[in-house]
Amino acid sequence: MKLKLHHINLSTTDVEHMNNFYQHILGLNEEHEGLPVLEKERGYAGDVAFVSDGDIQTHLAARDIEAGFRTGMIVNPVSRGHIAYRCDDIEAFKAHLDENDVPYSDWGERAVAGWHQIFFYDPEGNVIEVHQVRDKANKVL
């Protein structure tokens, strides 16, 4: 199971202001390619702006401290933000976490269509996402 840094998610109370800052002050570009399709009816209904340095995406997401409660998940990825890795075998990664007694919340595709997402905490309480992308025919991309 190979991991690759995919995006950093920053939570905010003002998506437009953060988007302005990251584009105009840091010089990041608005991202249009490979964006997730948000499942606003199933888990997270907030606004998100997407910017990139050309390699790594930054997701600027409206803070939602209630998302974990609404979905019944312990780890809430939009309360403080998170770092996200894409993997090629989510089941193997979940087994790896289980073997190492690392608890996680399996969001499945509740927040993003076609992305099987899990979230867990590092030893300092930072949220980490690992996800695997599947197409409509359930093939790994």
N, C-alpha and C. Protein backbone atom coordinates (compact mmCIF):
# COMPACT_ATOMS: atom_id res chain seq x y z
N MET A 1 0.85 -1.18 0.00
CA MET A 1 0.00 0.00 0.00
C MET A 1 0.89 1.23 0.00
N LYS A 2 0.80 1.98 -1.05
CA LYS A 2 1.64 3.16 -1.23
C LYS A 2 0.83 4.41 -0.92
N LEU A 3 1.43 5.33 -0.15
CA LEU A 3 0.79 6.61 0.15
C LEU A 3 1.49 7.73 -0.60
N LYS A 4 0.70 8.72 -1.04
CA LYS A 4 1.24 9.90 -1.68
C LYS A 4 0.46 11.11 -1.17
N LEU A 5 1.19 12.15 -0.74
CA LEU A 5 0.52 13.36 -0.26
C LEU A 5 -0.39 13.89 -1.37
N HIS A 6 -1.66 14.10 -1.04
CA HIS A 6 -2.62 14.55 -2.03
C HIS A 6 -3.07 15.98 -1.78
N HIS A 7 -3.48 16.29 -0.54
CA HIS A 7 -3.91 17.65 -0.26
C HIS A 7 -3.80 17.98 1.23
N ILE A 8 -3.81 19.25 1.49
CA ILE A 8 -3.90 19.77 2.85
C ILE A 8 -5.24 20.48 2.94
N ASN A 9 -5.99 20.20 3.98
CA ASN A 9 -7.29 20.82 4.19
C ASN A 9 -7.18 21.79 5.35
N LEU A 10 -7.55 23.03 5.11
CA LEU A 10 -7.55 24.04 6.16
C LEU A 10 -8.98 24.47 6.42
N SER A 11 -9.41 24.42 7.68
CA SER A 11 -10.76 24.84 8.05
C SER A 11 -10.78 26.35 8.28
N THR A 12 -11.90 26.95 7.92
CA THR A 12 -12.02 28.40 8.05
C THR A 12 -13.48 28.79 8.28
N THR A 13 -13.67 29.95 8.86
CA THR A 13 -15.02 30.49 8.99
C THR A 13 -15.34 31.41 7.82
N ASP A 14 -14.36 31.67 6.93
CA ASP A 14 -14.55 32.57 5.80
C ASP A 14 -13.79 32.04 4.59
N VAL A 15 -14.44 31.15 3.83
CA VAL A 15 -13.81 30.51 2.68
C VAL A 15 -13.34 31.54 1.66
N GLU A 16 -14.16 32.53 1.36
CA GLU A 16 -13.80 33.54 0.36
C GLU A 16 -12.53 34.31 0.75
N HIS A 17 -12.44 34.70 2.01
CA HIS A 17 -11.26 35.43 2.49
C HIS A 17 -10.01 34.56 2.41
N MET A 18 -10.13 33.30 2.84
CA MET A 18 -8.98 32.38 2.77
C MET A 18 -8.58 32.15 1.31
N ASN A 19 -9.55 31.97 0.43
CA ASN A 19 -9.27 31.74 -0.98
C ASN A 19 -8.52 32.94 -1.56
N ASN A 20 -8.99 34.13 -1.23
CA ASN A 20 -8.32 35.35 -1.67
C ASN A 20 -6.87 35.38 -1.19
N PHE A 21 -6.66 35.08 0.07
CA PHE A 21 -5.31 35.09 0.65
C PHE A 21 -4.40 34.10 -0.07
N TYR A 22 -4.84 32.86 -0.21
CA TYR A 22 -3.98 31.83 -0.80
C TYR A 22 -3.71 32.10 -2.28
N GLN A 23 -4.65 32.71 -2.98
CA GLN A 23 -4.41 33.03 -4.39
C GLN A 23 -3.57 34.30 -4.55
N HIS A 24 -3.93 35.37 -3.85
CA HIS A 24 -3.28 36.66 -4.09
C HIS A 24 -2.01 36.87 -3.29
N ILE A 25 -1.93 36.35 -2.09
CA ILE A 25 -0.74 36.54 -1.27
C ILE A 25 0.27 35.43 -1.51
N LEU A 26 -0.18 34.19 -1.56
CA LEU A 26 0.74 33.07 -1.75
C LEU A 26 0.94 32.70 -3.22
N GLY A 27 0.09 33.23 -4.10
CA GLY A 27 0.26 32.99 -5.53
C GLY A 27 -0.18 31.61 -5.99
N LEU A 28 -1.01 30.92 -5.20
CA LEU A 28 -1.53 29.63 -5.64
C LEU A 28 -2.63 29.86 -6.67
N ASN A 29 -2.82 28.89 -7.53
CA ASN A 29 -3.82 29.00 -8.58
C ASN A 29 -5.09 28.25 -8.20
N GLU A 30 -6.23 28.76 -8.69
CA GLU A 30 -7.49 28.06 -8.50
C GLU A 30 -7.37 26.72 -9.20
N GLU A 31 -7.73 25.65 -8.50
CA GLU A 31 -7.63 24.29 -9.05
C GLU A 31 -8.94 23.92 -9.73
N HIS A 32 -8.82 23.34 -10.94
CA HIS A 32 -10.00 22.92 -11.70
C HIS A 32 -9.97 21.43 -12.04
N GLU A 33 -8.80 20.80 -11.95
CA GLU A 33 -8.63 19.41 -12.36
C GLU A 33 -8.68 18.46 -11.17
N GLY A 34 -9.33 17.33 -11.36
CA GLY A 34 -9.31 16.28 -10.35
C GLY A 34 -9.95 16.64 -9.03
N LEU A 35 -10.96 17.52 -9.08
CA LEU A 35 -11.59 17.96 -7.84
C LEU A 35 -12.62 16.94 -7.36
N PRO A 36 -12.76 16.82 -6.05
CA PRO A 36 -13.75 15.89 -5.51
C PRO A 36 -15.17 16.40 -5.74
N VAL A 37 -16.09 15.47 -5.88
CA VAL A 37 -17.51 15.81 -5.97
C VAL A 37 -18.07 15.65 -4.56
N LEU A 38 -18.41 16.76 -3.93
CA LEU A 38 -18.86 16.73 -2.55
C LEU A 38 -20.25 16.12 -2.43
N GLU A 39 -20.41 15.27 -1.44
CA GLU A 39 -21.70 14.63 -1.14
C GLU A 39 -22.41 15.47 -0.09
N LYS A 40 -22.93 16.62 -0.48
CA LYS A 40 -23.48 17.59 0.46
C LYS A 40 -24.69 17.10 1.23
N GLU A 41 -25.38 16.09 0.73
CA GLU A 41 -26.56 15.56 1.43
C GLU A 41 -26.18 14.46 2.41
N ARG A 42 -24.96 13.93 2.33
CA ARG A 42 -24.61 12.75 3.12
C ARG A 42 -23.69 13.02 4.29
N GLY A 43 -22.88 14.08 4.25
CA GLY A 43 -21.93 14.22 5.35
C GLY A 43 -21.47 15.62 5.62
N TYR A 44 -21.01 16.31 4.60
CA TYR A 44 -20.45 17.65 4.78
C TYR A 44 -21.05 18.57 3.75
N ALA A 45 -21.75 19.60 4.19
CA ALA A 45 -22.46 20.48 3.28
C ALA A 45 -21.79 21.84 3.12
N GLY A 46 -20.60 22.01 3.64
CA GLY A 46 -19.93 23.30 3.61
C GLY A 46 -19.36 23.66 2.25
N ASP A 47 -19.01 24.93 2.12
CA ASP A 47 -18.34 25.41 0.91
C ASP A 47 -16.85 25.08 0.99
N VAL A 48 -16.25 24.84 -0.18
CA VAL A 48 -14.82 24.56 -0.26
C VAL A 48 -14.26 25.28 -1.48
N ALA A 49 -13.12 25.93 -1.30
CA ALA A 49 -12.36 26.49 -2.43
C ALA A 49 -11.13 25.60 -2.61
N PHE A 50 -10.71 25.42 -3.85
CA PHE A 50 -9.59 24.54 -4.15
C PHE A 50 -8.49 25.34 -4.84
N VAL A 51 -7.29 25.32 -4.27
CA VAL A 51 -6.14 25.98 -4.87
C VAL A 51 -4.98 24.98 -4.90
N SER A 52 -3.98 25.30 -5.72
CA SER A 52 -2.86 24.38 -5.87
C SER A 52 -1.59 25.13 -6.26
N ASP A 53 -0.47 24.53 -5.88
CA ASP A 53 0.83 25.04 -6.32
C ASP A 53 1.25 24.36 -7.62
N GLY A 54 0.39 23.52 -8.17
CA GLY A 54 0.69 22.76 -9.37
C GLY A 54 0.95 21.30 -9.08
N ASP A 55 1.25 20.99 -7.82
CA ASP A 55 1.47 19.61 -7.41
C ASP A 55 0.51 19.17 -6.31
N ILE A 56 0.46 19.95 -5.25
CA ILE A 56 -0.35 19.60 -4.08
C ILE A 56 -1.53 20.56 -3.99
N GLN A 57 -2.72 19.98 -3.80
CA GLN A 57 -3.92 20.80 -3.63
C GLN A 57 -4.02 21.28 -2.19
N THR A 58 -4.63 22.44 -2.01
CA THR A 58 -5.05 22.92 -0.70
C THR A 58 -6.55 23.12 -0.77
N HIS A 59 -7.27 22.46 0.14
CA HIS A 59 -8.72 22.58 0.21
C HIS A 59 -9.04 23.54 1.34
N LEU A 60 -9.72 24.62 1.03
CA LEU A 60 -10.09 25.65 2.00
C LEU A 60 -11.56 25.44 2.31
N ALA A 61 -11.82 24.77 3.43
CA ALA A 61 -13.17 24.27 3.74
C ALA A 61 -13.80 25.04 4.89
N ALA A 62 -15.08 25.28 4.74
CA ALA A 62 -15.84 25.91 5.83
C ALA A 62 -15.82 24.99 7.05
N ARG A 63 -15.42 25.55 8.19
CA ARG A 63 -15.38 24.78 9.43
C ARG A 63 -16.78 24.27 9.76
N ASP A 64 -16.87 23.01 10.14
CA ASP A 64 -18.16 22.40 10.50
C ASP A 64 -17.94 21.50 11.70
N ILE A 65 -18.14 22.03 12.88
CA ILE A 65 -17.90 21.24 14.09
C ILE A 65 -18.97 20.19 14.33
N GLU A 66 -20.05 20.22 13.58
CA GLU A 66 -21.15 19.26 13.75
C GLU A 66 -21.08 18.07 12.79
N ALA A 67 -20.18 18.09 11.81
CA ALA A 67 -20.14 17.02 10.79
C ALA A 67 -19.96 15.64 11.40
N GLY A 68 -19.11 15.52 12.39
CA GLY A 68 -18.90 14.22 13.03
C GLY A 68 -20.15 13.71 13.72
N PHE A 69 -20.88 14.62 14.37
CA PHE A 69 -22.12 14.22 15.04
C PHE A 69 -23.18 13.77 14.04
N ARG A 70 -23.32 14.53 12.93
CA ARG A 70 -24.34 14.21 11.93
C ARG A 70 -24.09 12.86 11.27
N THR A 71 -22.83 12.50 11.12
CA THR A 71 -22.50 11.27 10.42
C THR A 71 -22.22 10.11 11.37
N GLY A 72 -22.17 10.38 12.66
CA GLY A 72 -21.86 9.33 13.62
C GLY A 72 -20.40 8.93 13.63
N MET A 73 -19.53 9.80 13.16
CA MET A 73 -18.10 9.51 13.11
C MET A 73 -17.38 10.20 14.28
N ILE A 74 -16.39 9.52 14.83
CA ILE A 74 -15.63 10.07 15.94
C ILE A 74 -14.68 11.16 15.46
N VAL A 75 -13.98 10.91 14.36
CA VAL A 75 -13.02 11.88 13.84
C VAL A 75 -13.73 12.80 12.85
N ASN A 76 -13.69 14.10 13.11
CA ASN A 76 -14.32 15.11 12.27
C ASN A 76 -13.24 15.82 11.46
N PRO A 77 -13.18 15.61 10.15
CA PRO A 77 -12.10 16.18 9.34
C PRO A 77 -12.23 17.67 9.04
N VAL A 78 -13.36 18.27 9.37
CA VAL A 78 -13.54 19.69 9.06
C VAL A 78 -13.75 20.54 10.32
N SER A 79 -13.30 20.04 11.45
CA SER A 79 -13.33 20.86 12.66
C SER A 79 -12.08 21.71 12.74
N ARG A 80 -10.92 21.13 12.41
CA ARG A 80 -9.64 21.84 12.47
C ARG A 80 -8.85 21.74 11.17
N GLY A 81 -9.26 20.93 10.25
CA GLY A 81 -8.49 20.71 9.03
C GLY A 81 -7.72 19.40 9.13
N HIS A 82 -7.04 19.02 8.05
CA HIS A 82 -6.32 17.75 8.03
C HIS A 82 -5.32 17.70 6.88
N ILE A 83 -4.43 16.72 6.95
CA ILE A 83 -3.50 16.40 5.89
C ILE A 83 -4.01 15.12 5.24
N ALA A 84 -4.00 15.05 3.91
CA ALA A 84 -4.58 13.89 3.23
C ALA A 84 -3.57 13.20 2.32
N TYR A 85 -3.59 11.88 2.41
CA TYR A 85 -2.77 11.02 1.55
C TYR A 85 -3.69 10.16 0.71
N ARG A 86 -3.29 9.95 -0.54
CA ARG A 86 -4.01 9.04 -1.43
C ARG A 86 -3.27 7.70 -1.38
N CYS A 87 -4.03 6.61 -1.34
CA CYS A 87 -3.39 5.29 -1.32
C CYS A 87 -3.98 4.42 -2.42
N ASP A 88 -3.30 3.29 -2.66
CA ASP A 88 -3.74 2.39 -3.71
C ASP A 88 -4.47 1.16 -3.16
N ASP A 89 -4.57 1.03 -1.82
CA ASP A 89 -5.26 -0.11 -1.23
C ASP A 89 -5.76 0.27 0.17
N ILE A 90 -6.95 0.84 0.24
CA ILE A 90 -7.49 1.33 1.51
C ILE A 90 -7.72 0.19 2.50
N GLU A 91 -8.12 -0.99 2.01
CA GLU A 91 -8.36 -2.11 2.92
C GLU A 91 -7.07 -2.56 3.58
N ALA A 92 -5.99 -2.60 2.82
CA ALA A 92 -4.68 -2.97 3.39
C ALA A 92 -4.24 -1.92 4.41
N PHE A 93 -4.51 -0.65 4.11
CA PHE A 93 -4.11 0.40 5.04
C PHE A 93 -4.93 0.31 6.32
N LYS A 94 -6.23 0.04 6.22
CA LYS A 94 -7.06 -0.12 7.41
C LYS A 94 -6.56 -1.30 8.25
N ALA A 95 -6.19 -2.39 7.60
CA ALA A 95 -5.64 -3.54 8.32
C ALA A 95 -4.35 -3.16 9.04
N HIS A 96 -3.53 -2.34 8.39
CA HIS A 96 -2.28 -1.86 8.99
C HIS A 96 -2.59 -1.04 10.25
N LEU A 97 -3.58 -0.16 10.18
CA LEU A 97 -3.97 0.62 11.36
C LEU A 97 -4.48 -0.29 12.46
N ASP A 98 -5.32 -1.27 12.09
CA ASP A 98 -5.84 -2.22 13.08
C ASP A 98 -4.72 -2.98 13.78
N GLU A 99 -3.74 -3.44 13.00
CA GLU A 99 -2.61 -4.19 13.56
C GLU A 99 -1.81 -3.34 14.54
N ASN A 100 -1.84 -2.03 14.34
CA ASN A 100 -1.06 -1.12 15.20
C ASN A 100 -1.94 -0.39 16.22
N ASP A 101 -3.16 -0.88 16.39
CA ASP A 101 -4.09 -0.33 17.39
C ASP A 101 -4.32 1.17 17.23
N VAL A 102 -4.45 1.61 15.98
CA VAL A 102 -4.75 3.01 15.69
C VAL A 102 -6.23 3.09 15.32
N PRO A 103 -7.06 3.70 16.17
CA PRO A 103 -8.48 3.82 15.84
C PRO A 103 -8.70 4.84 14.72
N TYR A 104 -9.72 4.60 13.91
CA TYR A 104 -10.02 5.50 12.79
C TYR A 104 -11.52 5.55 12.57
N SER A 105 -11.95 6.59 11.88
CA SER A 105 -13.34 6.71 11.44
C SER A 105 -13.37 6.42 9.95
N ASP A 106 -14.19 5.45 9.56
CA ASP A 106 -14.32 5.07 8.16
C ASP A 106 -15.52 5.81 7.57
N TRP A 107 -15.25 6.92 6.88
CA TRP A 107 -16.31 7.73 6.30
C TRP A 107 -16.83 7.15 5.00
N GLY A 108 -16.17 6.12 4.47
CA GLY A 108 -16.60 5.59 3.17
C GLY A 108 -16.66 6.71 2.15
N GLU A 109 -17.79 6.84 1.46
CA GLU A 109 -17.97 7.91 0.47
C GLU A 109 -19.00 8.93 0.96
N ARG A 110 -19.12 9.10 2.27
CA ARG A 110 -20.11 10.04 2.82
C ARG A 110 -19.85 11.49 2.43
N ALA A 111 -18.60 11.88 2.29
CA ALA A 111 -18.27 13.28 2.02
C ALA A 111 -17.93 13.54 0.56
N VAL A 112 -17.30 12.58 -0.11
CA VAL A 112 -16.83 12.78 -1.49
C VAL A 112 -17.19 11.54 -2.32
N ALA A 113 -17.90 11.77 -3.42
CA ALA A 113 -18.28 10.67 -4.31
C ALA A 113 -17.03 10.03 -4.92
N GLY A 114 -16.94 8.71 -4.83
CA GLY A 114 -15.82 7.99 -5.44
C GLY A 114 -14.55 7.96 -4.61
N TRP A 115 -14.55 8.60 -3.45
CA TRP A 115 -13.38 8.58 -2.56
C TRP A 115 -13.75 7.82 -1.30
N HIS A 116 -13.12 6.69 -1.05
CA HIS A 116 -13.29 5.99 0.22
C HIS A 116 -12.29 6.62 1.18
N GLN A 117 -12.81 7.33 2.19
CA GLN A 117 -11.97 8.09 3.10
C GLN A 117 -12.01 7.51 4.51
N ILE A 118 -10.83 7.47 5.14
CA ILE A 118 -10.74 7.19 6.57
C ILE A 118 -9.99 8.35 7.21
N PHE A 119 -10.29 8.61 8.48
CA PHE A 119 -9.65 9.70 9.22
C PHE A 119 -9.21 9.18 10.57
N PHE A 120 -8.04 9.62 11.01
CA PHE A 120 -7.53 9.22 12.32
C PHE A 120 -6.63 10.34 12.84
N TYR A 121 -6.25 10.22 14.10
CA TYR A 121 -5.42 11.24 14.74
C TYR A 121 -3.97 10.76 14.83
N ASP A 122 -3.04 11.70 14.66
CA ASP A 122 -1.64 11.40 14.98
C ASP A 122 -1.47 11.55 16.50
N PRO A 123 -0.29 11.26 17.05
CA PRO A 123 -0.11 11.33 18.50
C PRO A 123 -0.36 12.71 19.11
N GLU A 124 -0.33 13.78 18.31
CA GLU A 124 -0.57 15.13 18.82
C GLU A 124 -1.98 15.62 18.56
N GLY A 125 -2.83 14.76 18.00
CA GLY A 125 -4.22 15.13 17.77
C GLY A 125 -4.49 15.76 16.41
N ASN A 126 -3.50 15.79 15.52
CA ASN A 126 -3.73 16.29 14.16
C ASN A 126 -4.49 15.23 13.37
N VAL A 127 -5.46 15.67 12.58
CA VAL A 127 -6.26 14.74 11.79
C VAL A 127 -5.53 14.39 10.49
N ILE A 128 -5.50 13.10 10.19
CA ILE A 128 -4.90 12.60 8.95
C ILE A 128 -5.99 11.85 8.19
N GLU A 129 -6.07 12.13 6.90
CA GLU A 129 -6.98 11.40 6.00
C GLU A 129 -6.15 10.49 5.13
N VAL A 130 -6.65 9.29 4.88
CA VAL A 130 -6.12 8.43 3.82
C VAL A 130 -7.33 8.03 2.99
N HIS A 131 -7.21 8.18 1.68
CA HIS A 131 -8.34 7.83 0.81
C HIS A 131 -7.87 7.07 -0.42
N GLN A 132 -8.80 6.33 -0.99
CA GLN A 132 -8.58 5.63 -2.25
C GLN A 132 -9.69 6.06 -3.19
N VAL A 133 -9.33 6.34 -4.43
CA VAL A 133 -10.28 6.79 -5.43
C VAL A 133 -10.73 5.61 -6.28
N ARG A 134 -12.03 5.53 -6.51
CA ARG A 134 -12.61 4.50 -7.38
C ARG A 134 -13.49 5.19 -8.41
N ASP A 135 -13.57 4.62 -9.61
CA ASP A 135 -14.47 5.18 -10.61
C ASP A 135 -15.85 4.58 -10.41
N LYS A 136 -16.80 4.95 -11.29
CA LYS A 136 -18.19 4.51 -11.14
C LYS A 136 -18.32 2.98 -11.26
N ALA A 137 -17.38 2.33 -11.94
CA ALA A 137 -17.41 0.88 -12.07
C ALA A 137 -16.68 0.22 -10.90
N ASN A 138 -16.34 1.01 -9.87
CA ASN A 138 -15.66 0.55 -8.66
C ASN A 138 -14.23 0.11 -8.94
N LYS A 139 -13.61 0.62 -10.00
CA LYS A 139 -12.21 0.33 -10.30
C LYS A 139 -11.34 1.37 -9.61
N VAL A 140 -10.21 0.92 -9.09
CA VAL A 140 -9.25 1.80 -8.44
C VAL A 140 -8.59 2.68 -9.49
N LEU A 141 -8.53 3.97 -9.24
CA LEU A 141 -7.87 4.90 -10.17
C LEU A 141 -6.48 5.23 -9.72
